[in-house]
């Protein structure tokens, strides 16, 4: 199992200074899609909705990384045990 780890520390830094949070959770991409009439329409889609990796973790504070990884391993072992029985 491959887990993609996203360190989103920039969001925490900008929120602490009172500025708008630049989090990966807020990122959007622009896509063109055909509507019912067959015309191309601009559509904004959240980046993580089309993220190419199936399993990912978002860590906002780097100091929490060991605990987050431990939790991910715990969940993985629980799934392995569940599917094995």
PDB file of N, CA and C in Angstrom:
ATOM      1  N   UNK A   1       0.849  -1.181   0.000  1.00  0.00           N
ATOM      2  CA  UNK A   1       0.000   0.000   0.000  1.00  0.00           C
ATOM      3  C   UNK A   1       0.889   1.237   0.000  1.00  0.00           C
ATOM      4  N   UNK A   2       0.611   2.164  -0.880  1.00  0.00           N
ATOM      5  CA  UNK A   2       1.354   3.409  -0.965  1.00  0.00           C
ATOM      6  C   UNK A   2       0.467   4.535  -0.450  1.00  0.00           C
ATOM      7  N   UNK A   3       1.027   5.339   0.456  1.00  0.00           N
ATOM      8  CA  UNK A   3       0.307   6.472   1.027  1.00  0.00           C
ATOM      9  C   UNK A   3       1.074   7.739   0.672  1.00  0.00           C
ATOM     10  N   UNK A   4       0.392   8.686   0.079  1.00  0.00           N
ATOM     11  CA  UNK A   4       0.976   9.971  -0.284  1.00  0.00           C
ATOM     12  C   UNK A   4       0.788  10.909   0.899  1.00  0.00           C
ATOM     13  N   UNK A   5       1.870  11.500   1.391  1.00  0.00           N
ATOM     14  CA  UNK A   5       1.799  12.392   2.553  1.00  0.00           C
ATOM     15  C   UNK A   5       1.932  13.833   2.074  1.00  0.00           C
ATOM     16  N   UNK A   6       0.928  14.637   2.382  1.00  0.00           N
ATOM     17  CA  UNK A   6       0.913  16.050   2.014  1.00  0.00           C
ATOM     18  C   UNK A   6       1.158  16.864   3.273  1.00  0.00           C
ATOM     19  N   UNK A   7       2.262  17.604   3.299  1.00  0.00           N
ATOM     20  CA  UNK A   7       2.556  18.480   4.430  1.00  0.00           C
ATOM     21  C   UNK A   7       2.006  19.854   4.074  1.00  0.00           C
ATOM     22  N   UNK A   8       0.960  20.248   4.751  1.00  0.00           N
ATOM     23  CA  UNK A   8       0.239  21.486   4.472  1.00  0.00           C
ATOM     24  C   UNK A   8       0.559  22.524   5.542  1.00  0.00           C
ATOM     25  N   UNK A   9       1.835  22.676   5.862  1.00  0.00           N
ATOM     26  CA  UNK A   9       2.253  23.595   6.922  1.00  0.00           C
ATOM     27  C   UNK A   9       2.045  25.043   6.534  1.00  0.00           C
ATOM     28  N   UNK A  10       2.024  25.367   5.251  1.00  0.00           N
ATOM     29  CA  UNK A  10       1.817  26.756   4.816  1.00  0.00           C
ATOM     30  C   UNK A  10       0.449  27.259   5.259  1.00  0.00           C
ATOM     31  N   UNK A  11      -0.549  26.391   5.275  1.00  0.00           N
ATOM     32  CA  UNK A  11      -1.887  26.795   5.703  1.00  0.00           C
ATOM     33  C   UNK A  11      -1.874  27.208   7.164  1.00  0.00           C
ATOM     34  N   UNK A  12      -1.151  26.470   7.979  1.00  0.00           N
ATOM     35  CA  UNK A  12      -1.078  26.786   9.402  1.00  0.00           C
ATOM     36  C   UNK A  12      -0.353  28.116   9.611  1.00  0.00           C
ATOM     37  N   UNK A  13       0.697  28.367   8.844  1.00  0.00           N
ATOM     38  CA  UNK A  13       1.468  29.601   9.002  1.00  0.00           C
ATOM     39  C   UNK A  13       0.647  30.818   8.614  1.00  0.00           C
ATOM     40  N   UNK A  14      -0.108  30.746   7.520  1.00  0.00           N
ATOM     41  CA  UNK A  14      -0.892  31.905   7.094  1.00  0.00           C
ATOM     42  C   UNK A  14      -2.091  32.139   7.997  1.00  0.00           C
ATOM     43  N   UNK A  15      -2.664  31.081   8.530  1.00  0.00           N
ATOM     44  CA  UNK A  15      -3.791  31.251   9.447  1.00  0.00           C
ATOM     45  C   UNK A  15      -3.335  31.872  10.757  1.00  0.00           C
ATOM     46  N   UNK A  16      -2.102  31.551  11.208  1.00  0.00           N
ATOM     47  CA  UNK A  16      -1.583  32.099  12.454  1.00  0.00           C
ATOM     48  C   UNK A  16      -1.336  33.601  12.346  1.00  0.00           C
ATOM     49  N   UNK A  17      -0.999  34.075  11.153  1.00  0.00           N
ATOM     50  CA  UNK A  17      -0.745  35.507  10.970  1.00  0.00           C
ATOM     51  C   UNK A  17      -2.010  36.287  10.665  1.00  0.00           C
ATOM     52  N   UNK A  18      -3.134  35.608  10.556  1.00  0.00           N
ATOM     53  CA  UNK A  18      -4.392  36.289  10.309  1.00  0.00           C
ATOM     54  C   UNK A  18      -4.738  36.427   8.842  1.00  0.00           C
ATOM     55  N   UNK A  19      -3.864  35.961   7.972  1.00  0.00           N
ATOM     56  CA  UNK A  19      -4.129  36.035   6.539  1.00  0.00           C
ATOM     57  C   UNK A  19      -5.001  34.870   6.099  1.00  0.00           C
ATOM     58  N   UNK A  20      -5.420  34.902   4.854  1.00  0.00           N
ATOM     59  CA  UNK A  20      -6.232  33.790   4.355  1.00  0.00           C
ATOM     60  C   UNK A  20      -5.391  32.514   4.260  1.00  0.00           C
ATOM     61  N   UNK A  21      -5.961  31.411   4.663  1.00  0.00           N
ATOM     62  CA  UNK A  21      -5.256  30.138   4.631  1.00  0.00           C
ATOM     63  C   UNK A  21      -5.086  29.625   3.213  1.00  0.00           C
ATOM     64  N   UNK A  22      -3.870  29.342   2.816  1.00  0.00           N
ATOM     65  CA  UNK A  22      -3.579  28.790   1.495  1.00  0.00           C
ATOM     66  C   UNK A  22      -3.400  27.286   1.650  1.00  0.00           C
ATOM     67  N   UNK A  23      -4.462  26.587   1.889  1.00  0.00           N
ATOM     68  CA  UNK A  23      -4.424  25.159   2.141  1.00  0.00           C
ATOM     69  C   UNK A  23      -4.690  24.384   0.857  1.00  0.00           C
ATOM     70  N   UNK A  24      -4.145  23.182   0.783  1.00  0.00           N
ATOM     71  CA  UNK A  24      -4.434  22.310  -0.362  1.00  0.00           C
ATOM     72  C   UNK A  24      -5.913  21.936  -0.384  1.00  0.00           C
ATOM     73  N   UNK A  25      -6.558  22.029   0.767  1.00  0.00           N
ATOM     74  CA  UNK A  25      -7.990  21.740   0.832  1.00  0.00           C
ATOM     75  C   UNK A  25      -8.815  22.794   0.103  1.00  0.00           C
ATOM     76  N   UNK A  26      -8.244  23.998  -0.077  1.00  0.00           N
ATOM     77  CA  UNK A  26      -8.963  25.086  -0.747  1.00  0.00           C
ATOM     78  C   UNK A  26      -8.618  25.220  -2.226  1.00  0.00           C
ATOM     79  N   UNK A  27      -7.604  24.489  -2.688  1.00  0.00           N
ATOM     80  CA  UNK A  27      -7.195  24.611  -4.087  1.00  0.00           C
ATOM     81  C   UNK A  27      -8.279  24.104  -5.027  1.00  0.00           C
ATOM     82  N   UNK A  28      -8.430  24.803  -6.131  1.00  0.00           N
ATOM     83  CA  UNK A  28      -9.402  24.399  -7.137  1.00  0.00           C
ATOM     84  C   UNK A  28      -8.738  24.378  -8.506  1.00  0.00           C
ATOM     85  N   UNK A  29      -9.261  23.541  -9.381  1.00  0.00           N
ATOM     86  CA  UNK A  29      -8.796  23.504 -10.760  1.00  0.00           C
ATOM     87  C   UNK A  29      -9.965  23.867 -11.663  1.00  0.00           C
ATOM     88  N   UNK A  30      -9.629  24.394 -12.841  1.00  0.00           N
ATOM     89  CA  UNK A  30     -10.655  24.753 -13.813  1.00  0.00           C
ATOM     90  C   UNK A  30     -10.737  23.665 -14.876  1.00  0.00           C
ATOM     91  N   UNK A  31     -11.951  23.243 -15.175  1.00  0.00           N
ATOM     92  CA  UNK A  31     -12.180  22.234 -16.209  1.00  0.00           C
ATOM     93  C   UNK A  31     -13.287  22.728 -17.132  1.00  0.00           C
ATOM     94  N   UNK A  32     -13.196  22.324 -18.374  1.00  0.00           N
ATOM     95  CA  UNK A  32     -14.255  22.623 -19.330  1.00  0.00           C
ATOM     96  C   UNK A  32     -15.047  21.339 -19.559  1.00  0.00           C
ATOM     97  N   UNK A  33     -16.362  21.441 -19.432  1.00  0.00           N
ATOM     98  CA  UNK A  33     -17.235  20.288 -19.629  1.00  0.00           C
ATOM     99  C   UNK A  33     -18.445  20.734 -20.447  1.00  0.00           C
ATOM    100  N   UNK A  34     -18.968  19.800 -21.219  1.00  0.00           N
ATOM    101  CA  UNK A  34     -20.152  20.113 -22.029  1.00  0.00           C
ATOM    102  C   UNK A  34     -21.401  20.060 -21.158  1.00  0.00           C
ATOM    103  N   UNK A  35     -22.273  21.042 -21.351  1.00  0.00           N
ATOM    104  CA  UNK A  35     -23.536  21.040 -20.625  1.00  0.00           C
ATOM    105  C   UNK A  35     -24.585  20.283 -21.427  1.00  0.00           C
ATOM    106  N   UNK A  36     -25.822  20.337 -20.999  1.00  0.00           N
ATOM    107  CA  UNK A  36     -26.910  19.613 -21.657  1.00  0.00           C
ATOM    108  C   UNK A  36     -27.124  20.022 -23.106  1.00  0.00           C
ATOM    109  N   UNK A  37     -26.803  21.273 -23.439  1.00  0.00           N
ATOM    110  CA  UNK A  37     -26.980  21.769 -24.807  1.00  0.00           C
ATOM    111  C   UNK A  37     -25.757  21.491 -25.678  1.00  0.00           C
ATOM    112  N   UNK A  38     -24.734  20.892 -25.107  1.00  0.00           N
ATOM    113  CA  UNK A  38     -23.528  20.579 -25.857  1.00  0.00           C
ATOM    114  C   UNK A  38     -22.522  21.712 -25.906  1.00  0.00           C
ATOM    115  N   UNK A  39     -22.757  22.776 -25.151  1.00  0.00           N
ATOM    116  CA  UNK A  39     -21.835  23.897 -25.108  1.00  0.00           C
ATOM    117  C   UNK A  39     -20.812  23.687 -23.997  1.00  0.00           C
ATOM    118  N   UNK A  40     -19.600  24.184 -24.226  1.00  0.00           N
ATOM    119  CA  UNK A  40     -18.536  24.060 -23.229  1.00  0.00           C
ATOM    120  C   UNK A  40     -18.759  25.079 -22.111  1.00  0.00           C
ATOM    121  N   UNK A  41     -18.711  24.604 -20.894  1.00  0.00           N
ATOM    122  CA  UNK A  41     -18.885  25.452 -19.721  1.00  0.00           C
ATOM    123  C   UNK A  41     -17.677  25.293 -18.806  1.00  0.00           C
ATOM    124  N   UNK A  42     -17.267  26.383 -18.192  1.00  0.00           N
ATOM    125  CA  UNK A  42     -16.177  26.356 -17.235  1.00  0.00           C
ATOM    126  C   UNK A  42     -16.710  25.857 -15.899  1.00  0.00           C
ATOM    127  N   UNK A  43     -16.000  24.913 -15.309  1.00  0.00           N
ATOM    128  CA  UNK A  43     -16.437  24.325 -14.041  1.00  0.00           C
ATOM    129  C   UNK A  43     -15.240  24.300 -13.096  1.00  0.00           C
ATOM    130  N   UNK A  44     -15.406  24.788 -11.888  1.00  0.00           N
ATOM    131  CA  UNK A  44     -14.351  24.769 -10.882  1.00  0.00           C
ATOM    132  C   UNK A  44     -14.511  23.517 -10.033  1.00  0.00           C
ATOM    133  N   UNK A  45     -13.409  22.782  -9.884  1.00  0.00           N
ATOM    134  CA  UNK A  45     -13.429  21.509  -9.159  1.00  0.00           C
ATOM    135  C   UNK A  45     -12.352  21.546  -8.088  1.00  0.00           C
ATOM    136  N   UNK A  46     -12.677  21.060  -6.901  1.00  0.00           N
ATOM    137  CA  UNK A  46     -11.674  20.967  -5.836  1.00  0.00           C
ATOM    138  C   UNK A  46     -10.551  20.043  -6.288  1.00  0.00           C
ATOM    139  N   UNK A  47      -9.315  20.449  -6.032  1.00  0.00           N
ATOM    140  CA  UNK A  47      -8.146  19.699  -6.481  1.00  0.00           C
ATOM    141  C   UNK A  47      -8.133  18.275  -5.917  1.00  0.00           C
ATOM    142  N   UNK A  48      -8.467  18.134  -4.646  1.00  0.00           N
ATOM    143  CA  UNK A  48      -8.398  16.806  -4.030  1.00  0.00           C
ATOM    144  C   UNK A  48      -9.496  15.865  -4.527  1.00  0.00           C
ATOM    145  N   UNK A  49     -10.547  16.400  -5.154  1.00  0.00           N
ATOM    146  CA  UNK A  49     -11.578  15.532  -5.726  1.00  0.00           C
ATOM    147  C   UNK A  49     -11.046  14.760  -6.926  1.00  0.00           C
ATOM    148  N   UNK A  50     -10.024  15.304  -7.579  1.00  0.00           N
ATOM    149  CA  UNK A  50      -9.426  14.636  -8.739  1.00  0.00           C
ATOM    150  C   UNK A  50      -7.986  14.224  -8.461  1.00  0.00           C
ATOM    151  N   UNK A  51      -7.617  14.119  -7.202  1.00  0.00           N
ATOM    152  CA  UNK A  51      -6.244  13.774  -6.824  1.00  0.00           C
ATOM    153  C   UNK A  51      -5.917  12.370  -7.319  1.00  0.00           C
ATOM    154  N   UNK A  52      -4.766  12.184  -7.955  1.00  0.00           N
ATOM    155  CA  UNK A  52      -4.472  10.902  -8.607  1.00  0.00           C
ATOM    156  C   UNK A  52      -4.129   9.754  -7.661  1.00  0.00           C
ATOM    157  N   UNK A  53      -3.911  10.021  -6.384  1.00  0.00           N
ATOM    158  CA  UNK A  53      -3.556   8.961  -5.445  1.00  0.00           C
ATOM    159  C   UNK A  53      -4.775   8.573  -4.619  1.00  0.00           C
ATOM    160  N   UNK A  54      -4.984   7.285  -4.451  1.00  0.00           N
ATOM    161  CA  UNK A  54      -6.145   6.807  -3.721  1.00  0.00           C
ATOM    162  C   UNK A  54      -6.038   6.990  -2.218  1.00  0.00           C
ATOM    163  N   UNK A  55      -4.829   6.872  -1.702  1.00  0.00           N
ATOM    164  CA  UNK A  55      -4.608   6.982  -0.251  1.00  0.00           C
ATOM    165  C   UNK A  55      -3.650   8.142   0.002  1.00  0.00           C
ATOM    166  N   UNK A  56      -4.103   9.096   0.794  1.00  0.00           N
ATOM    167  CA  UNK A  56      -3.230  10.221   1.122  1.00  0.00           C
ATOM    168  C   UNK A  56      -3.550  10.715   2.530  1.00  0.00           C
ATOM    169  N   UNK A  57      -2.552  11.345   3.138  1.00  0.00           N
ATOM    170  CA  UNK A  57      -2.688  11.957   4.453  1.00  0.00           C
ATOM    171  C   UNK A  57      -2.336  13.426   4.336  1.00  0.00           C
ATOM    172  N   UNK A  58      -3.072  14.268   5.007  1.00  0.00           N
ATOM    173  CA  UNK A  58      -2.763  15.693   5.035  1.00  0.00           C
ATOM    174  C   UNK A  58      -2.313  16.031   6.454  1.00  0.00           C
ATOM    175  N   UNK A  59      -1.087  16.526   6.564  1.00  0.00           N
ATOM    176  CA  UNK A  59      -0.509  16.871   7.862  1.00  0.00           C
ATOM    177  C   UNK A  59      -0.284  18.376   7.875  1.00  0.00           C
ATOM    178  N   UNK A  60      -0.904  19.059   8.816  1.00  0.00           N
ATOM    179  CA  UNK A  60      -0.760  20.519   8.898  1.00  0.00           C
ATOM    180  C   UNK A  60       0.410  20.920   9.788  1.00  0.00           C
ATOM    181  N   UNK A  61       0.711  20.128  10.788  1.00  0.00           N
ATOM    182  CA  UNK A  61       1.811  20.424  11.700  1.00  0.00           C
ATOM    183  C   UNK A  61       2.812  19.290  11.596  1.00  0.00           C
ATOM    184  N   UNK A  62       4.032  19.606  11.211  1.00  0.00           N
ATOM    185  CA  UNK A  62       5.053  18.584  10.989  1.00  0.00           C
ATOM    186  C   UNK A  62       5.329  17.799  12.268  1.00  0.00           C
ATOM    187  N   UNK A  63       5.149  18.424  13.408  1.00  0.00           N
ATOM    188  CA  UNK A  63       5.389  17.727  14.674  1.00  0.00           C
ATOM    189  C   UNK A  63       4.366  16.616  14.908  1.00  0.00           C
ATOM    190  N   UNK A  64       3.225  16.671  14.248  1.00  0.00           N
ATOM    191  CA  UNK A  64       2.207  15.633  14.379  1.00  0.00           C
ATOM    192  C   UNK A  64       2.434  14.463  13.421  1.00  0.00           C
ATOM    193  N   UNK A  65       3.439  14.556  12.555  1.00  0.00           N
ATOM    194  CA  UNK A  65       3.677  13.532  11.547  1.00  0.00           C
ATOM    195  C   UNK A  65       3.855  12.134  12.131  1.00  0.00           C
ATOM    196  N   UNK A  66       4.654  11.932  13.191  1.00  0.00           N
ATOM    197  CA  UNK A  66       4.778  10.567  13.737  1.00  0.00           C
ATOM    198  C   UNK A  66       3.448   9.987  14.217  1.00  0.00           C
ATOM    199  N   UNK A  67       2.634  10.795  14.863  1.00  0.00           N
ATOM    200  CA  UNK A  67       1.338  10.310  15.345  1.00  0.00           C
ATOM    201  C   UNK A  67       0.404   9.983  14.189  1.00  0.00           C
ATOM    202  N   UNK A  68       0.437  10.808  13.149  1.00  0.00           N
ATOM    203  CA  UNK A  68      -0.419  10.564  11.975  1.00  0.00           C
ATOM    204  C   UNK A  68       0.009   9.282  11.270  1.00  0.00           C
ATOM    205  N   UNK A  69       1.311   9.083  11.113  1.00  0.00           N
ATOM    206  CA  UNK A  69       1.803   7.856  10.483  1.00  0.00           C
ATOM    207  C   UNK A  69       1.463   6.626  11.323  1.00  0.00           C
ATOM    208  N   UNK A  70       1.576   6.754  12.635  1.00  0.00           N
ATOM    209  CA  UNK A  70       1.212   5.632  13.508  1.00  0.00           C
ATOM    210  C   UNK A  70      -0.267   5.294  13.363  1.00  0.00           C
ATOM    211  N   UNK A  71      -1.110   6.307  13.281  1.00  0.00           N
ATOM    212  CA  UNK A  71      -2.540   6.066  13.088  1.00  0.00           C
ATOM    213  C   UNK A  71      -2.834   5.413  11.747  1.00  0.00           C
ATOM    214  N   UNK A  72      -2.121   5.835  10.711  1.00  0.00           N
ATOM    215  CA  UNK A  72      -2.315   5.238   9.383  1.00  0.00           C
ATOM    216  C   UNK A  72      -1.890   3.765   9.385  1.00  0.00           C
ATOM    217  N   UNK A  73      -0.770   3.470  10.024  1.00  0.00           N
ATOM    218  CA  UNK A  73      -0.334   2.069  10.119  1.00  0.00           C
ATOM    219  C   UNK A  73      -1.323   1.231  10.915  1.00  0.00           C
ATOM    220  N   UNK A  74      -1.864   1.797  11.973  1.00  0.00           N
ATOM    221  CA  UNK A  74      -2.855   1.093  12.789  1.00  0.00           C
ATOM    222  C   UNK A  74      -4.093   0.755  11.949  1.00  0.00           C
ATOM    223  N   UNK A  75      -4.560   1.716  11.164  1.00  0.00           N
ATOM    224  CA  UNK A  75      -5.719   1.478  10.298  1.00  0.00           C
ATOM    225  C   UNK A  75      -5.409   0.429   9.241  1.00  0.00           C
ATOM    226  N   UNK A  76      -4.203   0.487   8.682  1.00  0.00           N
ATOM    227  CA  UNK A  76      -3.825  -0.476   7.650  1.00  0.00           C
ATOM    228  C   UNK A  76      -3.793  -1.888   8.228  1.00  0.00           C
ATOM    229  N   UNK A  77      -3.180  -2.045   9.419  1.00  0.00           N
ATOM    230  CA  UNK A  77      -3.142  -3.367  10.052  1.00  0.00           C
ATOM    231  C   UNK A  77      -4.552  -3.863  10.367  1.00  0.00           C
ATOM    232  N   UNK A  78      -5.430  -2.976  10.800  1.00  0.00           N
ATOM    233  CA  UNK A  78      -6.811  -3.373  11.091  1.00  0.00           C
ATOM    234  C   UNK A  78      -7.502  -3.850   9.826  1.00  0.00           C
ATOM    235  N   UNK A  79      -7.277  -3.178   8.691  1.00  0.00           N
ATOM    236  CA  UNK A  79      -7.879  -3.615   7.425  1.00  0.00           C
ATOM    237  C   UNK A  79      -7.314  -4.952   6.967  1.00  0.00           C
ATOM    238  N   UNK A  80      -6.007  -5.156   7.158  1.00  0.00           N
ATOM    239  CA  UNK A  80      -5.387  -6.419   6.767  1.00  0.00           C
ATOM    240  C   UNK A  80      -5.954  -7.562   7.588  1.00  0.00           C
ATOM    241  N   UNK A  81      -6.089  -7.353   8.879  1.00  0.00           N
ATOM    242  CA  UNK A  81      -6.638  -8.391   9.747  1.00  0.00           C
ATOM    243  C   UNK A  81      -8.099  -8.670   9.395  1.00  0.00           C
ATOM    244  N   UNK A  82      -8.852  -7.615   9.106  1.00  0.00           N
ATOM    245  CA  UNK A  82     -10.282  -7.764   8.777  1.00  0.00           C
ATOM    246  C   UNK A  82     -10.478  -8.532   7.475  1.00  0.00           C
ATOM    247  N   UNK A  83      -9.677  -8.246   6.450  1.00  0.00           N
ATOM    248  CA  UNK A  83      -9.824  -8.928   5.178  1.00  0.00           C
ATOM    249  C   UNK A  83      -9.256 -10.332   5.212  1.00  0.00           C
ATOM    250  N   UNK A  84      -8.368 -10.608   6.163  1.00  0.00           N
ATOM    251  CA  UNK A  84      -7.752 -11.922   6.260  1.00  0.00           C
ATOM    252  C   UNK A  84      -8.646 -12.955   6.928  1.00  0.00           C
ATOM    253  N   UNK A  85      -9.635 -12.510   7.714  1.00  0.00           N
ATOM    254  CA  UNK A  85     -10.494 -13.479   8.406  1.00  0.00           C
ATOM    255  C   UNK A  85     -11.818 -13.666   7.736  1.00  0.00           C
TER     256      UNK A  85
END
